[in-house]
Amino acid sequence: MITEGEVLEIAQQAIYTILVCSLPILLVSLIVGLLVSIFQTVTSIQEQTLTFVPKIIAVFIAIMLFGSFIINNLSDFIYSLWSDFSLYIG
């Protein structure tokens, strides 16, 4: 039977995997948003919807660039879960 420590270890690995997989896309979105905000401040353009299109394009490009990295991390995590499944059920 699975112990409380093993459950916490699996949860810790899951949270770490989520952070590692989402960090590149979130950083790209943050940097593009910051650059657009600086551009808006310098040019005195106060259009709220101006940030969405560059962010969406940058996130799509980041997904294309980091997609294989994300899929590899997720598949490694899932493979480790399923390979130890017989230990978890008893």
C-alpha atoms as a PDB file:
ATOM      1  CA  MET A   1       0.000   0.000   0.000  1.00  0.00           C
ATOM      2  CA  ILE A   2       1.157   3.516  -0.707  1.00  0.00           C
ATOM      3  CA  THR A   3       2.321   5.553   2.251  1.00  0.00           C
ATOM      4  CA  GLU A   4       1.762   9.198   3.031  1.00  0.00           C
ATOM      5  CA  GLY A   5       5.390   9.991   2.249  1.00  0.00           C
ATOM      6  CA  GLU A   6       5.112   8.463  -1.216  1.00  0.00           C
ATOM      7  CA  VAL A   7       1.971  10.497  -1.916  1.00  0.00           C
ATOM      8  CA  LEU A   8       3.788  13.664  -0.883  1.00  0.00           C
ATOM      9  CA  GLU A   9       6.767  12.729  -3.066  1.00  0.00           C
ATOM     10  CA  ILE A  10       4.499  12.185  -6.083  1.00  0.00           C
ATOM     11  CA  ALA A  11       2.765  15.511  -5.416  1.00  0.00           C
ATOM     12  CA  GLN A  12       6.136  17.247  -5.124  1.00  0.00           C
ATOM     13  CA  GLN A  13       7.289  15.748  -8.424  1.00  0.00           C
ATOM     14  CA  ALA A  14       4.013  16.772 -10.077  1.00  0.00           C
ATOM     15  CA  ILE A  15       4.306  20.379  -8.881  1.00  0.00           C
ATOM     16  CA  TYR A  16       7.942  20.529  -9.981  1.00  0.00           C
ATOM     17  CA  THR A  17       7.004  19.152 -13.408  1.00  0.00           C
ATOM     18  CA  ILE A  18       4.219  21.708 -13.756  1.00  0.00           C
ATOM     19  CA  LEU A  19       6.594  24.545 -12.876  1.00  0.00           C
ATOM     20  CA  VAL A  20       9.327  23.364 -15.233  1.00  0.00           C
ATOM     21  CA  CYS A  21       6.875  22.893 -18.099  1.00  0.00           C
ATOM     22  CA  SER A  22       5.041  26.189 -17.687  1.00  0.00           C
ATOM     23  CA  LEU A  23       8.000  28.430 -16.852  1.00  0.00           C
ATOM     24  CA  PRO A  24       9.328  29.033 -20.401  1.00  0.00           C
ATOM     25  CA  ILE A  25       5.925  30.078 -21.740  1.00  0.00           C
ATOM     26  CA  LEU A  26       5.148  32.242 -18.717  1.00  0.00           C
ATOM     27  CA  LEU A  27       8.526  33.979 -18.958  1.00  0.00           C
ATOM     28  CA  VAL A  28       8.021  34.723 -22.655  1.00  0.00           C
ATOM     29  CA  SER A  29       4.573  36.146 -21.930  1.00  0.00           C
ATOM     30  CA  LEU A  30       5.945  38.225 -19.059  1.00  0.00           C
ATOM     31  CA  ILE A  31       8.813  39.649 -21.100  1.00  0.00           C
ATOM     32  CA  VAL A  32       6.603  40.501 -24.092  1.00  0.00           C
ATOM     33  CA  GLY A  33       4.024  42.114 -21.800  1.00  0.00           C
ATOM     34  CA  LEU A  34       6.735  44.164 -20.123  1.00  0.00           C
ATOM     35  CA  LEU A  35       8.156  45.311 -23.468  1.00  0.00           C
ATOM     36  CA  VAL A  36       4.717  46.287 -24.770  1.00  0.00           C
ATOM     37  CA  SER A  37       3.991  48.161 -21.530  1.00  0.00           C
ATOM     38  CA  ILE A  38       7.251  50.063 -21.830  1.00  0.00           C
ATOM     39  CA  PHE A  39       6.392  50.865 -25.466  1.00  0.00           C
ATOM     40  CA  GLN A  40       2.941  52.091 -24.416  1.00  0.00           C
ATOM     41  CA  THR A  41       4.433  54.276 -21.705  1.00  0.00           C
ATOM     42  CA  VAL A  42       7.029  55.816 -24.010  1.00  0.00           C
ATOM     43  CA  THR A  43       4.555  56.538 -26.802  1.00  0.00           C
ATOM     44  CA  SER A  44       1.637  57.478 -24.508  1.00  0.00           C
ATOM     45  CA  ILE A  45      -0.622  54.924 -26.182  1.00  0.00           C
ATOM     46  CA  GLN A  46      -3.198  53.792 -23.629  1.00  0.00           C
ATOM     47  CA  GLU A  47      -4.893  51.019 -25.600  1.00  0.00           C
ATOM     48  CA  GLN A  48      -5.657  48.087 -23.295  1.00  0.00           C
ATOM     49  CA  THR A  49      -6.048  45.535 -26.069  1.00  0.00           C
ATOM     50  CA  LEU A  50      -2.621  46.264 -27.598  1.00  0.00           C
ATOM     51  CA  THR A  51      -0.889  43.761 -25.307  1.00  0.00           C
ATOM     52  CA  PHE A  52      -2.966  40.745 -26.324  1.00  0.00           C
ATOM     53  CA  VAL A  53      -1.882  40.208 -29.934  1.00  0.00           C
ATOM     54  CA  PRO A  54       1.903  40.341 -29.312  1.00  0.00           C
ATOM     55  CA  LYS A  55       1.514  38.092 -26.268  1.00  0.00           C
ATOM     56  CA  ILE A  56      -0.548  35.527 -28.170  1.00  0.00           C
ATOM     57  CA  ILE A  57       1.937  35.464 -31.039  1.00  0.00           C
ATOM     58  CA  ALA A  58       4.879  35.166 -28.628  1.00  0.00           C
ATOM     59  CA  VAL A  59       3.194  32.369 -26.682  1.00  0.00           C
ATOM     60  CA  PHE A  60       2.481  30.424 -29.889  1.00  0.00           C
ATOM     61  CA  ILE A  61       6.121  30.800 -30.932  1.00  0.00           C
ATOM     62  CA  ALA A  62       7.251  29.721 -27.452  1.00  0.00           C
ATOM     63  CA  ILE A  63       5.005  26.654 -27.658  1.00  0.00           C
ATOM     64  CA  MET A  64       6.553  25.768 -31.002  1.00  0.00           C
ATOM     65  CA  LEU A  65      10.075  26.240 -29.627  1.00  0.00           C
ATOM     66  CA  PHE A  66       9.617  24.606 -26.226  1.00  0.00           C
ATOM     67  CA  GLY A  67       6.917  22.084 -27.153  1.00  0.00           C
ATOM     68  CA  SER A  68       9.239  19.096 -27.437  1.00  0.00           C
ATOM     69  CA  PHE A  69      10.887  19.990 -24.117  1.00  0.00           C
ATOM     70  CA  ILE A  70       7.484  20.166 -22.419  1.00  0.00           C
ATOM     71  CA  ILE A  71       6.248  16.917 -23.980  1.00  0.00           C
ATOM     72  CA  ASN A  72       9.463  15.113 -22.994  1.00  0.00           C
ATOM     73  CA  ASN A  73       9.178  16.290 -19.373  1.00  0.00           C
ATOM     74  CA  LEU A  74       5.515  15.338 -19.141  1.00  0.00           C
ATOM     75  CA  SER A  75       6.026  11.946 -20.747  1.00  0.00           C
ATOM     76  CA  ASP A  76       8.977  11.199 -18.441  1.00  0.00           C
ATOM     77  CA  PHE A  77       6.840  12.065 -15.419  1.00  0.00           C
ATOM     78  CA  ILE A  78       3.908   9.969 -16.637  1.00  0.00           C
ATOM     79  CA  TYR A  79       6.220   7.071 -17.488  1.00  0.00           C
ATOM     80  CA  SER A  80       7.707   7.154 -13.980  1.00  0.00           C
ATOM     81  CA  LEU A  81       4.207   7.160 -12.463  1.00  0.00           C
ATOM     82  CA  TRP A  82       2.983   4.250 -14.557  1.00  0.00           C
ATOM     83  CA  SER A  83       6.181   2.215 -14.143  1.00  0.00           C
ATOM     84  CA  ASP A  84       5.770   2.340 -10.349  1.00  0.00           C
ATOM     85  CA  PHE A  85       2.014   1.761 -10.434  1.00  0.00           C
ATOM     86  CA  SER A  86       2.278  -1.814  -9.174  1.00  0.00           C
ATOM     87  CA  LEU A  87       4.091  -0.527  -6.067  1.00  0.00           C
ATOM     88  CA  TYR A  88       1.296   1.951  -5.349  1.00  0.00           C
ATOM     89  CA  ILE A  89      -1.634  -0.464  -5.410  1.00  0.00           C
ATOM     90  CA  GLY A  90      -0.240  -2.972  -3.056  1.00  0.00           C
END
